[in-house]
Amino acid sequence: MARTELVAPDEVPEEYRDLFSEDYVGNRNVIRLFANDPPLLESLFACTEVMTRHFTPREEELIVLATARAYNAEYEWHQHVDLAHDAGISTAEIRAIGRDDFTQFSDDERALLRYTDAVASAEMTDDRYADVAAVYDSAQLVALQMFIGFYIGHSYVVRAETLSFEEGEFVGWTPNDQRIEKFFGE
């Protein structure tokens, strides 16, 4: 459990309760943590919307998964496996990212994944930058860097709080069929 109290939706002022809706990400522990400061939670959602406005839902989830994997951020990975699936990322693709294997992705997605991995692991090269700069413009690249940094910062907070998974144990970097069935009912 978290070091700081997790707030229930009915404990926040009425004007912030919609932040717990499925339009956002529901009643997850990280939302309950940040709900200790409802204006902060609201601004985090707004900031995320600005950073991701250049990207499709699929690209957004590829970025989050690649950041989580590169940074060994288990909570973020665990939270986004189902969101990634909903954004059209297949189980095979999720497992591939978990193995750091980007070969099955398109050239553009591979450039995005490799760049994200390089930023999140602080191992940027000119080649990685050139590959992604061929796909995205400078505004998109700055937003991408900020979004990756946001999730790295997010993982710092989660680790400091020792935030637990809602469903018990970590789904794993390459979830087996039984774990996938539990997550998606496949």
C-alpha atoms as a PDB file:
ATOM      1  CA  MET A   1       0.000   0.000   0.000  1.00  0.00           C
ATOM      2  CA  ALA A   2       1.079   3.578  -0.534  1.00  0.00           C
ATOM      3  CA  ARG A   3       2.852   5.616   2.093  1.00  0.00           C
ATOM      4  CA  THR A   4       0.438   8.494   1.539  1.00  0.00           C
ATOM      5  CA  GLU A   5      -3.265   7.909   1.989  1.00  0.00           C
ATOM      6  CA  LEU A   6      -5.208   6.897  -1.111  1.00  0.00           C
ATOM      7  CA  VAL A   7      -8.311   9.036  -1.451  1.00  0.00           C
ATOM      8  CA  ALA A   8     -11.668   7.558  -2.431  1.00  0.00           C
ATOM      9  CA  PRO A   9     -13.691   9.328  -5.134  1.00  0.00           C
ATOM     10  CA  ASP A  10     -16.391  10.328  -2.652  1.00  0.00           C
ATOM     11  CA  GLU A  11     -13.749  12.046  -0.499  1.00  0.00           C
ATOM     12  CA  VAL A  12     -12.828  14.677  -3.094  1.00  0.00           C
ATOM     13  CA  PRO A  13     -14.869  17.815  -3.712  1.00  0.00           C
ATOM     14  CA  GLU A  14     -17.785  17.213  -6.078  1.00  0.00           C
ATOM     15  CA  GLU A  15     -16.248  19.273  -8.895  1.00  0.00           C
ATOM     16  CA  TYR A  16     -13.316  16.820  -9.145  1.00  0.00           C
ATOM     17  CA  ARG A  17     -15.166  13.496  -9.001  1.00  0.00           C
ATOM     18  CA  ASP A  18     -15.359  13.203 -12.773  1.00  0.00           C
ATOM     19  CA  LEU A  19     -11.565  12.710 -12.726  1.00  0.00           C
ATOM     20  CA  PHE A  20     -12.277   9.176 -11.483  1.00  0.00           C
ATOM     21  CA  SER A  21     -14.487   8.347 -14.456  1.00  0.00           C
ATOM     22  CA  GLU A  22     -13.622   5.877 -17.190  1.00  0.00           C
ATOM     23  CA  ASP A  23     -13.183   8.923 -19.459  1.00  0.00           C
ATOM     24  CA  TYR A  24      -9.871   9.238 -17.657  1.00  0.00           C
ATOM     25  CA  VAL A  25      -8.550   5.980 -16.185  1.00  0.00           C
ATOM     26  CA  GLY A  26     -11.050   5.184 -13.456  1.00  0.00           C
ATOM     27  CA  ASN A  27     -10.394   4.453  -9.819  1.00  0.00           C
ATOM     28  CA  ARG A  28      -6.766   3.286 -10.016  1.00  0.00           C
ATOM     29  CA  ASN A  29      -4.428   3.645  -7.049  1.00  0.00           C
ATOM     30  CA  VAL A  30      -2.294   6.289  -8.746  1.00  0.00           C
ATOM     31  CA  ILE A  31      -5.384   8.449  -9.310  1.00  0.00           C
ATOM     32  CA  ARG A  32      -6.391   7.946  -5.687  1.00  0.00           C
ATOM     33  CA  LEU A  33      -2.887   9.028  -4.629  1.00  0.00           C
ATOM     34  CA  PHE A  34      -2.861  12.197  -6.724  1.00  0.00           C
ATOM     35  CA  ALA A  35      -6.417  12.968  -5.561  1.00  0.00           C
ATOM     36  CA  ASN A  36      -4.876  14.162  -2.297  1.00  0.00           C
ATOM     37  CA  ASP A  37      -4.428  17.366  -4.308  1.00  0.00           C
ATOM     38  CA  PRO A  38      -7.404  17.500  -6.705  1.00  0.00           C
ATOM     39  CA  PRO A  39      -6.228  20.612  -8.617  1.00  0.00           C
ATOM     40  CA  LEU A  40      -2.877  18.883  -9.188  1.00  0.00           C
ATOM     41  CA  LEU A  41      -4.619  15.752 -10.467  1.00  0.00           C
ATOM     42  CA  GLU A  42      -6.736  17.842 -12.811  1.00  0.00           C
ATOM     43  CA  SER A  43      -3.671  19.690 -14.112  1.00  0.00           C
ATOM     44  CA  LEU A  44      -1.797  16.401 -14.677  1.00  0.00           C
ATOM     45  CA  PHE A  45      -4.614  15.197 -16.912  1.00  0.00           C
ATOM     46  CA  ALA A  46      -4.631  18.522 -18.772  1.00  0.00           C
ATOM     47  CA  CYS A  47      -0.852  18.449 -19.195  1.00  0.00           C
ATOM     48  CA  THR A  48      -0.976  14.884 -20.494  1.00  0.00           C
ATOM     49  CA  GLU A  49      -3.614  15.878 -23.045  1.00  0.00           C
ATOM     50  CA  VAL A  50      -1.368  18.688 -24.305  1.00  0.00           C
ATOM     51  CA  MET A  51       1.710  16.450 -24.530  1.00  0.00           C
ATOM     52  CA  THR A  52      -0.135  13.687 -26.381  1.00  0.00           C
ATOM     53  CA  ARG A  53      -2.202  15.795 -28.778  1.00  0.00           C
ATOM     54  CA  HIS A  54       0.233  15.047 -31.608  1.00  0.00           C
ATOM     55  CA  PHE A  55      -0.039  11.284 -31.235  1.00  0.00           C
ATOM     56  CA  THR A  56      -2.653   8.637 -31.934  1.00  0.00           C
ATOM     57  CA  PRO A  57      -3.890   6.575 -28.986  1.00  0.00           C
ATOM     58  CA  ARG A  58      -1.778   3.695 -30.317  1.00  0.00           C
ATOM     59  CA  GLU A  59       1.368   5.852 -30.481  1.00  0.00           C
ATOM     60  CA  GLU A  60       0.661   7.203 -27.000  1.00  0.00           C
ATOM     61  CA  GLU A  61       0.482   3.712 -25.532  1.00  0.00           C
ATOM     62  CA  LEU A  62       3.578   2.578 -27.458  1.00  0.00           C
ATOM     63  CA  ILE A  63       5.425   5.504 -25.859  1.00  0.00           C
ATOM     64  CA  VAL A  64       4.195   4.643 -22.363  1.00  0.00           C
ATOM     65  CA  LEU A  65       5.025   0.944 -22.693  1.00  0.00           C
ATOM     66  CA  ALA A  66       8.481   1.620 -24.144  1.00  0.00           C
ATOM     67  CA  THR A  67       9.207   4.168 -21.412  1.00  0.00           C
ATOM     68  CA  ALA A  68       8.018   1.811 -18.694  1.00  0.00           C
ATOM     69  CA  ARG A  69      10.073  -1.062 -20.095  1.00  0.00           C
ATOM     70  CA  ALA A  70      13.257   0.998 -20.546  1.00  0.00           C
ATOM     71  CA  TYR A  71      12.892   2.418 -17.055  1.00  0.00           C
ATOM     72  CA  ASN A  72      11.785  -0.863 -15.442  1.00  0.00           C
ATOM     73  CA  ALA A  73       8.660   0.918 -14.240  1.00  0.00           C
ATOM     74  CA  GLU A  74       6.485  -2.059 -13.351  1.00  0.00           C
ATOM     75  CA  TYR A  75       3.487  -0.101 -12.074  1.00  0.00           C
ATOM     76  CA  GLU A  76       3.211   2.002 -15.235  1.00  0.00           C
ATOM     77  CA  TRP A  77       3.634  -1.067 -17.456  1.00  0.00           C
ATOM     78  CA  HIS A  78       1.028  -2.973 -15.459  1.00  0.00           C
ATOM     79  CA  GLN A  79      -1.439  -0.086 -15.644  1.00  0.00           C
ATOM     80  CA  HIS A  80      -1.005   0.399 -19.370  1.00  0.00           C
ATOM     81  CA  VAL A  81      -1.138  -3.175 -20.652  1.00  0.00           C
ATOM     82  CA  ASP A  82      -4.941  -3.015 -20.787  1.00  0.00           C
ATOM     83  CA  LEU A  83      -4.960   0.568 -22.082  1.00  0.00           C
ATOM     84  CA  ALA A  84      -2.502  -0.434 -24.820  1.00  0.00           C
ATOM     85  CA  HIS A  85      -4.699  -3.359 -25.769  1.00  0.00           C
ATOM     86  CA  ASP A  86      -7.688  -0.995 -25.995  1.00  0.00           C
ATOM     87  CA  ALA A  87      -5.605   1.288 -28.261  1.00  0.00           C
ATOM     88  CA  GLY A  88      -5.060  -1.536 -30.746  1.00  0.00           C
ATOM     89  CA  ILE A  89      -1.741  -2.930 -29.566  1.00  0.00           C
ATOM     90  CA  SER A  90      -1.875  -6.708 -29.802  1.00  0.00           C
ATOM     91  CA  THR A  91      -0.788  -9.147 -27.136  1.00  0.00           C
ATOM     92  CA  ALA A  92       2.120 -10.199 -29.373  1.00  0.00           C
ATOM     93  CA  GLU A  93       3.198  -6.558 -29.714  1.00  0.00           C
ATOM     94  CA  ILE A  94       2.960  -5.990 -25.949  1.00  0.00           C
ATOM     95  CA  ARG A  95       5.131  -9.041 -25.359  1.00  0.00           C
ATOM     96  CA  ALA A  96       7.609  -7.863 -28.017  1.00  0.00           C
ATOM     97  CA  ILE A  97       8.015  -4.494 -26.284  1.00  0.00           C
ATOM     98  CA  GLY A  98       8.472  -6.368 -23.008  1.00  0.00           C
ATOM     99  CA  ARG A  99      11.378  -8.233 -24.643  1.00  0.00           C
ATOM    100  CA  ASP A 100      12.801  -5.010 -26.149  1.00  0.00           C
ATOM    101  CA  ASP A 101      12.132  -6.477 -29.599  1.00  0.00           C
ATOM    102  CA  PHE A 102      10.790  -3.860 -31.974  1.00  0.00           C
ATOM    103  CA  THR A 103      11.291  -5.811 -35.220  1.00  0.00           C
ATOM    104  CA  GLN A 104       7.615  -6.570 -35.847  1.00  0.00           C
ATOM    105  CA  PHE A 105       6.604  -2.904 -35.864  1.00  0.00           C
ATOM    106  CA  SER A 106       6.417  -0.610 -38.888  1.00  0.00           C
ATOM    107  CA  ASP A 107       9.459   1.539 -39.669  1.00  0.00           C
ATOM    108  CA  ASP A 108       7.789   4.625 -38.163  1.00  0.00           C
ATOM    109  CA  GLU A 109       6.700   2.821 -34.997  1.00  0.00           C
ATOM    110  CA  ARG A 110      10.106   1.190 -34.669  1.00  0.00           C
ATOM    111  CA  ALA A 111      11.735   4.640 -34.858  1.00  0.00           C
ATOM    112  CA  LEU A 112       9.327   5.874 -32.164  1.00  0.00           C
ATOM    113  CA  LEU A 113       9.973   2.878 -29.906  1.00  0.00           C
ATOM    114  CA  ARG A 114      13.751   3.015 -30.291  1.00  0.00           C
ATOM    115  CA  TYR A 115      13.799   6.756 -29.660  1.00  0.00           C
ATOM    116  CA  THR A 116      11.602   6.378 -26.584  1.00  0.00           C
ATOM    117  CA  ASP A 117      13.870   3.628 -25.293  1.00  0.00           C
ATOM    118  CA  ALA A 118      16.936   5.826 -25.880  1.00  0.00           C
ATOM    119  CA  VAL A 119      15.441   8.839 -24.075  1.00  0.00           C
ATOM    120  CA  ALA A 120      14.116   6.788 -21.146  1.00  0.00           C
ATOM    121  CA  SER A 121      17.395   4.934 -20.682  1.00  0.00           C
ATOM    122  CA  ALA A 122      19.514   8.087 -21.222  1.00  0.00           C
ATOM    123  CA  GLU A 123      21.320   6.433 -24.132  1.00  0.00           C
ATOM    124  CA  MET A 124      20.455   8.770 -27.010  1.00  0.00           C
ATOM    125  CA  THR A 125      22.417   8.537 -30.239  1.00  0.00           C
ATOM    126  CA  ASP A 126      22.428  10.730 -33.325  1.00  0.00           C
ATOM    127  CA  ASP A 127      21.061   7.809 -35.353  1.00  0.00           C
ATOM    128  CA  ARG A 128      18.085   7.325 -33.029  1.00  0.00           C
ATOM    129  CA  TYR A 129      17.325  11.032 -33.207  1.00  0.00           C
ATOM    130  CA  ALA A 130      17.646  11.134 -37.006  1.00  0.00           C
ATOM    131  CA  ASP A 131      15.291   8.162 -37.383  1.00  0.00           C
ATOM    132  CA  VAL A 132      12.525   9.714 -35.308  1.00  0.00           C
ATOM    133  CA  ALA A 133      13.101  13.224 -36.731  1.00  0.00           C
ATOM    134  CA  ALA A 134      12.332  11.770 -40.161  1.00  0.00           C
ATOM    135  CA  VAL A 135       8.848  10.894 -38.864  1.00  0.00           C
ATOM    136  CA  TYR A 136       7.954  13.711 -36.450  1.00  0.00           C
ATOM    137  CA  ASP A 137       8.399  17.485 -36.609  1.00  0.00           C
ATOM    138  CA  SER A 138      10.140  19.551 -33.938  1.00  0.00           C
ATOM    139  CA  ALA A 139       6.942  20.337 -31.993  1.00  0.00           C
ATOM    140  CA  GLN A 140       6.097  16.643 -31.871  1.00  0.00           C
ATOM    141  CA  LEU A 141       9.630  15.761 -30.775  1.00  0.00           C
ATOM    142  CA  VAL A 142       9.556  18.236 -27.891  1.00  0.00           C
ATOM    143  CA  ALA A 143       6.143  16.936 -26.814  1.00  0.00           C
ATOM    144  CA  LEU A 144       7.449  13.378 -27.103  1.00  0.00           C
ATOM    145  CA  GLN A 145      10.460  14.144 -24.915  1.00  0.00           C
ATOM    146  CA  MET A 146       8.251  15.816 -22.317  1.00  0.00           C
ATOM    147  CA  PHE A 147       5.808  12.896 -22.330  1.00  0.00           C
ATOM    148  CA  ILE A 148       8.623  10.393 -21.801  1.00  0.00           C
ATOM    149  CA  GLY A 149       9.985  12.578 -18.989  1.00  0.00           C
ATOM    150  CA  PHE A 150       6.512  12.814 -17.471  1.00  0.00           C
ATOM    151  CA  TYR A 151       6.291   9.040 -17.196  1.00  0.00           C
ATOM    152  CA  ILE A 152       9.786   8.781 -15.750  1.00  0.00           C
ATOM    153  CA  GLY A 153       8.806  11.362 -13.105  1.00  0.00           C
ATOM    154  CA  HIS A 154       5.536   9.538 -12.574  1.00  0.00           C
ATOM    155  CA  SER A 155       7.461   6.338 -11.874  1.00  0.00           C
ATOM    156  CA  TYR A 156       9.628   8.145  -9.284  1.00  0.00           C
ATOM    157  CA  VAL A 157       6.501   9.066  -7.348  1.00  0.00           C
ATOM    158  CA  VAL A 158       5.064   5.556  -7.628  1.00  0.00           C
ATOM    159  CA  ARG A 159       8.314   4.024  -6.366  1.00  0.00           C
ATOM    160  CA  ALA A 160       8.645   6.519  -3.502  1.00  0.00           C
ATOM    161  CA  GLU A 161       5.085   5.742  -2.466  1.00  0.00           C
ATOM    162  CA  THR A 162       5.518   1.963  -2.873  1.00  0.00           C
ATOM    163  CA  LEU A 163       2.205   1.996  -4.705  1.00  0.00           C
ATOM    164  CA  SER A 164       0.708  -1.464  -5.100  1.00  0.00           C
ATOM    165  CA  PHE A 165      -1.062  -2.990  -8.088  1.00  0.00           C
ATOM    166  CA  GLU A 166      -4.839  -3.049  -7.896  1.00  0.00           C
ATOM    167  CA  GLU A 167      -4.985  -6.631  -9.189  1.00  0.00           C
ATOM    168  CA  GLY A 168      -2.305  -8.066  -6.919  1.00  0.00           C
ATOM    169  CA  GLU A 169       0.886  -9.151  -8.664  1.00  0.00           C
ATOM    170  CA  PHE A 170       2.734  -7.591 -11.596  1.00  0.00           C
ATOM    171  CA  VAL A 171       1.410  -8.763 -14.967  1.00  0.00           C
ATOM    172  CA  GLY A 172       4.985  -9.256 -16.188  1.00  0.00           C
ATOM    173  CA  TRP A 173       6.975  -7.850 -19.081  1.00  0.00           C
ATOM    174  CA  THR A 174       5.865 -10.726 -21.319  1.00  0.00           C
ATOM    175  CA  PRO A 175       2.580 -11.822 -19.779  1.00  0.00           C
ATOM    176  CA  ASN A 176       1.656 -15.462 -20.319  1.00  0.00           C
ATOM    177  CA  ASP A 177      -1.670 -16.509 -21.812  1.00  0.00           C
ATOM    178  CA  GLN A 178      -3.251 -17.034 -18.392  1.00  0.00           C
ATOM    179  CA  ARG A 179      -2.387 -13.470 -17.316  1.00  0.00           C
ATOM    180  CA  ILE A 180      -3.610 -12.105 -20.651  1.00  0.00           C
ATOM    181  CA  GLU A 181      -6.890 -13.969 -20.286  1.00  0.00           C
ATOM    182  CA  LYS A 182      -7.338 -12.464 -16.826  1.00  0.00           C
ATOM    183  CA  PHE A 183      -6.653  -8.980 -18.185  1.00  0.00           C
ATOM    184  CA  PHE A 184      -8.608  -9.146 -21.438  1.00  0.00           C
ATOM    185  CA  GLY A 185     -10.851 -12.183 -21.253  1.00  0.00           C
ATOM    186  CA  GLU A 186      -9.226 -13.601 -24.415  1.00  0.00           C
END
